[in-house]
PDB file of N, CA and C in Angstrom:
ATOM      1  N   UNK A   1     136.501 108.935 131.439  1.00  0.00           N
ATOM      2  CA  UNK A   1     137.359 109.035 130.295  1.00  0.00           C
ATOM      3  C   UNK A   1     137.498 110.510 129.917  1.00  0.00           C
ATOM      4  N   UNK A   2     138.425 110.761 128.977  1.00  0.00           N
ATOM      5  CA  UNK A   2     138.706 112.129 128.586  1.00  0.00           C
ATOM      6  C   UNK A   2     137.648 112.702 127.658  1.00  0.00           C
ATOM      7  N   UNK A   3     137.689 113.990 127.544  1.00  0.00           N
ATOM      8  CA  UNK A   3     136.746 114.687 126.680  1.00  0.00           C
ATOM      9  C   UNK A   3     137.159 114.509 125.218  1.00  0.00           C
ATOM     10  N   UNK A   4     136.188 114.400 124.351  1.00  0.00           N
ATOM     11  CA  UNK A   4     136.496 114.216 122.932  1.00  0.00           C
ATOM     12  C   UNK A   4     136.673 115.555 122.211  1.00  0.00           C
ATOM     13  N   UNK A   5     136.375 116.672 122.886  1.00  0.00           N
ATOM     14  CA  UNK A   5     136.524 117.968 122.226  1.00  0.00           C
ATOM     15  C   UNK A   5     137.981 118.420 122.272  1.00  0.00           C
ATOM     16  N   UNK A   6     138.390 119.155 121.247  1.00  0.00           N
ATOM     17  CA  UNK A   6     139.758 119.652 121.184  1.00  0.00           C
ATOM     18  C   UNK A   6     139.908 120.856 122.095  1.00  0.00           C
ATOM     19  N   UNK A   7     141.108 121.026 122.625  1.00  0.00           N
ATOM     20  CA  UNK A   7     141.378 122.194 123.463  1.00  0.00           C
ATOM     21  C   UNK A   7     141.760 123.349 122.564  1.00  0.00           C
ATOM     22  N   UNK A   8     141.258 124.510 122.866  1.00  0.00           N
ATOM     23  CA  UNK A   8     141.551 125.687 122.058  1.00  0.00           C
ATOM     24  C   UNK A   8     142.871 126.314 122.488  1.00  0.00           C
ATOM     25  N   UNK A   9     143.554 126.887 121.539  1.00  0.00           N
ATOM     26  CA  UNK A   9     144.809 127.554 121.814  1.00  0.00           C
ATOM     27  C   UNK A   9     144.516 128.933 122.401  1.00  0.00           C
ATOM     28  N   UNK A  10     145.254 129.330 123.407  1.00  0.00           N
ATOM     29  CA  UNK A  10     145.001 130.625 124.037  1.00  0.00           C
ATOM     30  C   UNK A  10     145.515 131.753 123.142  1.00  0.00           C
ATOM     31  N   UNK A  11     144.952 132.921 123.343  1.00  0.00           N
ATOM     32  CA  UNK A  11     145.381 134.085 122.563  1.00  0.00           C
ATOM     33  C   UNK A  11     146.842 134.416 122.857  1.00  0.00           C
ATOM     34  N   UNK A  12     147.264 134.228 124.093  1.00  0.00           N
ATOM     35  CA  UNK A  12     148.653 134.524 124.452  1.00  0.00           C
ATOM     36  C   UNK A  12     149.613 133.634 123.659  1.00  0.00           C
ATOM     37  N   UNK A  13     149.276 132.366 123.558  1.00  0.00           N
ATOM     38  CA  UNK A  13     150.130 131.450 122.812  1.00  0.00           C
ATOM     39  C   UNK A  13     150.134 131.810 121.333  1.00  0.00           C
ATOM     40  N   UNK A  14     148.979 132.133 120.793  1.00  0.00           N
ATOM     41  CA  UNK A  14     148.903 132.523 119.387  1.00  0.00           C
ATOM     42  C   UNK A  14     149.740 133.770 119.132  1.00  0.00           C
ATOM     43  N   UNK A  15     149.695 134.723 120.055  1.00  0.00           N
ATOM     44  CA  UNK A  15     150.469 135.952 119.915  1.00  0.00           C
ATOM     45  C   UNK A  15     151.966 135.655 119.960  1.00  0.00           C
ATOM     46  N   UNK A  16     152.384 134.793 120.891  1.00  0.00           N
ATOM     47  CA  UNK A  16     153.795 134.424 120.982  1.00  0.00           C
ATOM     48  C   UNK A  16     154.272 133.745 119.713  1.00  0.00           C
ATOM     49  N   UNK A  17     153.476 132.829 119.195  1.00  0.00           N
ATOM     50  CA  UNK A  17     153.861 132.126 117.976  1.00  0.00           C
ATOM     51  C   UNK A  17     153.924 133.059 116.773  1.00  0.00           C
ATOM     52  N   UNK A  18     152.987 133.998 116.697  1.00  0.00           N
ATOM     53  CA  UNK A  18     152.987 134.964 115.595  1.00  0.00           C
ATOM     54  C   UNK A  18     154.235 135.844 115.674  1.00  0.00           C
ATOM     55  N   UNK A  19     154.578 136.298 116.883  1.00  0.00           N
ATOM     56  CA  UNK A  19     155.770 137.131 117.065  1.00  0.00           C
ATOM     57  C   UNK A  19     157.028 136.356 116.679  1.00  0.00           C
ATOM     58  N   UNK A  20     157.089 135.096 117.060  1.00  0.00           N
ATOM     59  CA  UNK A  20     158.239 134.268 116.731  1.00  0.00           C
ATOM     60  C   UNK A  20     158.354 134.077 115.223  1.00  0.00           C
ATOM     61  N   UNK A  21     157.238 133.834 114.571  1.00  0.00           N
ATOM     62  CA  UNK A  21     157.241 133.651 113.120  1.00  0.00           C
ATOM     63  C   UNK A  21     157.687 134.930 112.414  1.00  0.00           C
ATOM     64  N   UNK A  22     157.213 136.083 112.881  1.00  0.00           N
ATOM     65  CA  UNK A  22     157.612 137.355 112.267  1.00  0.00           C
ATOM     66  C   UNK A  22     159.101 137.597 112.462  1.00  0.00           C
ATOM     67  N   UNK A  23     159.618 137.245 113.640  1.00  0.00           N
ATOM     68  CA  UNK A  23     161.041 137.412 113.913  1.00  0.00           C
ATOM     69  C   UNK A  23     161.861 136.539 112.965  1.00  0.00           C
ATOM     70  N   UNK A  24     161.425 135.304 112.751  1.00  0.00           N
ATOM     71  CA  UNK A  24     162.129 134.404 111.837  1.00  0.00           C
ATOM     72  C   UNK A  24     162.106 134.941 110.405  1.00  0.00           C
ATOM     73  N   UNK A  25     160.968 135.512 110.002  1.00  0.00           N
ATOM     74  CA  UNK A  25     160.863 136.070 108.653  1.00  0.00           C
ATOM     75  C   UNK A  25     161.802 137.256 108.480  1.00  0.00           C
ATOM     76  N   UNK A  26     161.868 138.133 109.499  1.00  0.00           N
ATOM     77  CA  UNK A  26     162.780 139.283 109.423  1.00  0.00           C
ATOM     78  C   UNK A  26     164.226 138.821 109.348  1.00  0.00           C
ATOM     79  N   UNK A  27     164.556 137.814 110.124  1.00  0.00           N
ATOM     80  CA  UNK A  27     165.918 137.282 110.120  1.00  0.00           C
ATOM     81  C   UNK A  27     166.263 136.714 108.751  1.00  0.00           C
ATOM     82  N   UNK A  28     165.337 135.985 108.145  1.00  0.00           N
ATOM     83  CA  UNK A  28     165.570 135.411 106.821  1.00  0.00           C
ATOM     84  C   UNK A  28     165.726 136.513 105.778  1.00  0.00           C
ATOM     85  N   UNK A  29     164.937 137.587 105.895  1.00  0.00           N
ATOM     86  CA  UNK A  29     165.059 138.703 104.954  1.00  0.00           C
ATOM     87  C   UNK A  29     166.441 139.330 105.059  1.00  0.00           C
ATOM     88  N   UNK A  30     166.921 139.523 106.282  1.00  0.00           N
ATOM     89  CA  UNK A  30     168.251 140.101 106.470  1.00  0.00           C
ATOM     90  C   UNK A  30     169.318 139.215 105.847  1.00  0.00           C
ATOM     91  N   UNK A  31     169.180 137.895 106.048  1.00  0.00           N
ATOM     92  CA  UNK A  31     170.150 136.969 105.474  1.00  0.00           C
ATOM     93  C   UNK A  31     170.127 137.035 103.949  1.00  0.00           C
ATOM     94  N   UNK A  32     168.928 137.093 103.381  1.00  0.00           N
ATOM     95  CA  UNK A  32     168.802 137.170 101.925  1.00  0.00           C
ATOM     96  C   UNK A  32     169.412 138.464 101.381  1.00  0.00           C
ATOM     97  N   UNK A  33     169.136 139.594 102.068  1.00  0.00           N
ATOM     98  CA  UNK A  33     169.690 140.876 101.643  1.00  0.00           C
ATOM     99  C   UNK A  33     171.209 140.847 101.706  1.00  0.00           C
ATOM    100  N   UNK A  34     171.755 140.242 102.752  1.00  0.00           N
ATOM    101  CA  UNK A  34     173.199 140.163 102.898  1.00  0.00           C
ATOM    102  C   UNK A  34     173.810 139.336 101.775  1.00  0.00           C
ATOM    103  N   UNK A  35     173.140 138.232 101.415  1.00  0.00           N
ATOM    104  CA  UNK A  35     173.623 137.402 100.318  1.00  0.00           C
ATOM    105  C   UNK A  35     173.607 138.181  99.004  1.00  0.00           C
ATOM    106  N   UNK A  36     172.526 138.930  98.767  1.00  0.00           N
ATOM    107  CA  UNK A  36     172.409 139.703  97.525  1.00  0.00           C
ATOM    108  C   UNK A  36     173.487 140.785  97.459  1.00  0.00           C
ATOM    109  N   UNK A  37     173.743 141.440  98.593  1.00  0.00           N
ATOM    110  CA  UNK A  37     174.774 142.482  98.618  1.00  0.00           C
ATOM    111  C   UNK A  37     176.147 141.873  98.311  1.00  0.00           C
ATOM    112  N   UNK A  38     176.442 140.731  98.911  1.00  0.00           N
ATOM    113  CA  UNK A  38     177.723 140.077  98.671  1.00  0.00           C
ATOM    114  C   UNK A  38     177.852 139.660  97.209  1.00  0.00           C
ATOM    115  N   UNK A  39     176.780 139.137  96.656  1.00  0.00           N
ATOM    116  CA  UNK A  39     176.809 138.728  95.246  1.00  0.00           C
ATOM    117  C   UNK A  39     176.991 139.936  94.337  1.00  0.00           C
ATOM    118  N   UNK A  40     176.340 141.030  94.668  1.00  0.00           N
ATOM    119  CA  UNK A  40     176.461 142.247  93.865  1.00  0.00           C
ATOM    120  C   UNK A  40     177.880 142.797  93.944  1.00  0.00           C
ATOM    121  N   UNK A  41     178.477 142.743  95.123  1.00  0.00           N
ATOM    122  CA  UNK A  41     179.851 143.219  95.273  1.00  0.00           C
ATOM    123  C   UNK A  41     180.802 142.361  94.455  1.00  0.00           C
ATOM    124  N   UNK A  42     180.605 141.035  94.523  1.00  0.00           N
ATOM    125  CA  UNK A  42     181.475 140.149  93.755  1.00  0.00           C
ATOM    126  C   UNK A  42     181.302 140.409  92.261  1.00  0.00           C
ATOM    127  N   UNK A  43     180.078 140.570  91.824  1.00  0.00           N
ATOM    128  CA  UNK A  43     179.818 140.822  90.403  1.00  0.00           C
ATOM    129  C   UNK A  43     180.384 142.181  90.010  1.00  0.00           C
ATOM    130  N   UNK A  44     180.256 143.164  90.888  1.00  0.00           N
ATOM    131  CA  UNK A  44     180.785 144.498  90.616  1.00  0.00           C
ATOM    132  C   UNK A  44     182.293 144.500  90.532  1.00  0.00           C
ATOM    133  N   UNK A  45     182.954 143.780  91.424  1.00  0.00           N
ATOM    134  CA  UNK A  45     184.409 143.716  91.402  1.00  0.00           C
ATOM    135  C   UNK A  45     184.893 143.033  90.129  1.00  0.00           C
ATOM    136  N   UNK A  46     184.262 141.951  89.760  1.00  0.00           N
ATOM    137  CA  UNK A  46     184.664 141.236  88.553  1.00  0.00           C
ATOM    138  C   UNK A  46     184.389 142.070  87.317  1.00  0.00           C
ATOM    139  N   UNK A  47     183.238 142.696  87.253  1.00  0.00           N
ATOM    140  CA  UNK A  47     182.875 143.509  86.099  1.00  0.00           C
ATOM    141  C   UNK A  47     183.725 144.761  86.003  1.00  0.00           C
ATOM    142  N   UNK A  48     183.971 145.438  87.120  1.00  0.00           N
ATOM    143  CA  UNK A  48     184.782 146.654  87.118  1.00  0.00           C
ATOM    144  C   UNK A  48     186.215 146.347  86.717  1.00  0.00           C
ATOM    145  N   UNK A  49     186.763 145.275  87.214  1.00  0.00           N
ATOM    146  CA  UNK A  49     188.143 144.914  86.908  1.00  0.00           C
ATOM    147  C   UNK A  49     188.293 144.632  85.417  1.00  0.00           C
ATOM    148  N   UNK A  50     187.355 143.921  84.843  1.00  0.00           N
ATOM    149  CA  UNK A  50     187.441 143.594  83.421  1.00  0.00           C
ATOM    150  C   UNK A  50     187.282 144.855  82.569  1.00  0.00           C
ATOM    151  N   UNK A  51     186.381 145.728  82.944  1.00  0.00           N
ATOM    152  CA  UNK A  51     186.158 146.943  82.170  1.00  0.00           C
ATOM    153  C   UNK A  51     187.323 147.903  82.311  1.00  0.00           C
ATOM    154  N   UNK A  52     187.839 148.078  83.535  1.00  0.00           N
ATOM    155  CA  UNK A  52     188.904 149.050  83.735  1.00  0.00           C
ATOM    156  C   UNK A  52     190.201 148.573  83.100  1.00  0.00           C
ATOM    157  N   UNK A  53     190.468 147.265  83.094  1.00  0.00           N
ATOM    158  CA  UNK A  53     191.679 146.765  82.461  1.00  0.00           C
ATOM    159  C   UNK A  53     191.648 147.050  80.966  1.00  0.00           C
ATOM    160  N   UNK A  54     190.542 146.758  80.334  1.00  0.00           N
ATOM    161  CA  UNK A  54     190.432 146.986  78.900  1.00  0.00           C
ATOM    162  C   UNK A  54     190.489 148.462  78.561  1.00  0.00           C
ATOM    163  N   UNK A  55     189.837 149.294  79.337  1.00  0.00           N
ATOM    164  CA  UNK A  55     189.811 150.730  79.072  1.00  0.00           C
ATOM    165  C   UNK A  55     191.149 151.384  79.328  1.00  0.00           C
ATOM    166  N   UNK A  56     191.847 150.979  80.362  1.00  0.00           N
ATOM    167  CA  UNK A  56     193.124 151.600  80.696  1.00  0.00           C
ATOM    168  C   UNK A  56     194.188 151.236  79.671  1.00  0.00           C
ATOM    169  N   UNK A  57     194.183 150.016  79.192  1.00  0.00           N
ATOM    170  CA  UNK A  57     195.191 149.597  78.229  1.00  0.00           C
ATOM    171  C   UNK A  57     195.089 150.405  76.939  1.00  0.00           C
ATOM    172  N   UNK A  58     193.882 150.628  76.488  1.00  0.00           N
ATOM    173  CA  UNK A  58     193.699 151.350  75.237  1.00  0.00           C
ATOM    174  C   UNK A  58     194.037 152.825  75.390  1.00  0.00           C
ATOM    175  N   UNK A  59     193.642 153.458  76.501  1.00  0.00           N
ATOM    176  CA  UNK A  59     193.869 154.890  76.658  1.00  0.00           C
ATOM    177  C   UNK A  59     195.285 155.184  77.130  1.00  0.00           C
ATOM    178  N   UNK A  60     195.934 154.260  77.842  1.00  0.00           N
ATOM    179  CA  UNK A  60     197.259 154.495  78.377  1.00  0.00           C
ATOM    180  C   UNK A  60     198.329 154.376  77.290  1.00  0.00           C
ATOM    181  N   UNK A  61     198.125 153.493  76.366  1.00  0.00           N
ATOM    182  CA  UNK A  61     199.155 153.308  75.333  1.00  0.00           C
ATOM    183  C   UNK A  61     198.845 154.217  74.130  1.00  0.00           C
ATOM    184  N   UNK A  62     199.824 154.976  73.693  1.00  0.00           N
ATOM    185  CA  UNK A  62     199.593 155.830  72.514  1.00  0.00           C
ATOM    186  C   UNK A  62     199.511 154.982  71.254  1.00  0.00           C
ATOM    187  N   UNK A  63     198.796 155.443  70.279  1.00  0.00           N
ATOM    188  CA  UNK A  63     198.691 154.668  69.048  1.00  0.00           C
ATOM    189  C   UNK A  63     200.062 154.503  68.387  1.00  0.00           C
ATOM    190  N   UNK A  64     200.306 153.338  67.870  1.00  0.00           N
ATOM    191  CA  UNK A  64     201.592 153.114  67.197  1.00  0.00           C
ATOM    192  C   UNK A  64     201.552 153.761  65.824  1.00  0.00           C
ATOM    193  N   UNK A  65     202.538 154.584  65.585  1.00  0.00           N
ATOM    194  CA  UNK A  65     202.728 155.316  64.349  1.00  0.00           C
ATOM    195  C   UNK A  65     202.017 156.580  64.256  1.00  0.00           C
TER     196      UNK A  65
END
């Protein structure tokens, strides 16, 4: 019959799995950074447009009277 002891994982396999996990983490970080940049750009465009419209209208039109 078979042995009741567990087989140990080799160092090579552990190293490969660790490298794969680190690669996945780096990829996820890049994706998160890209999402944050896109969100910041969208927020910046919306905020800049609202601020510049209000500021330009007041400064462009001379006071009446």
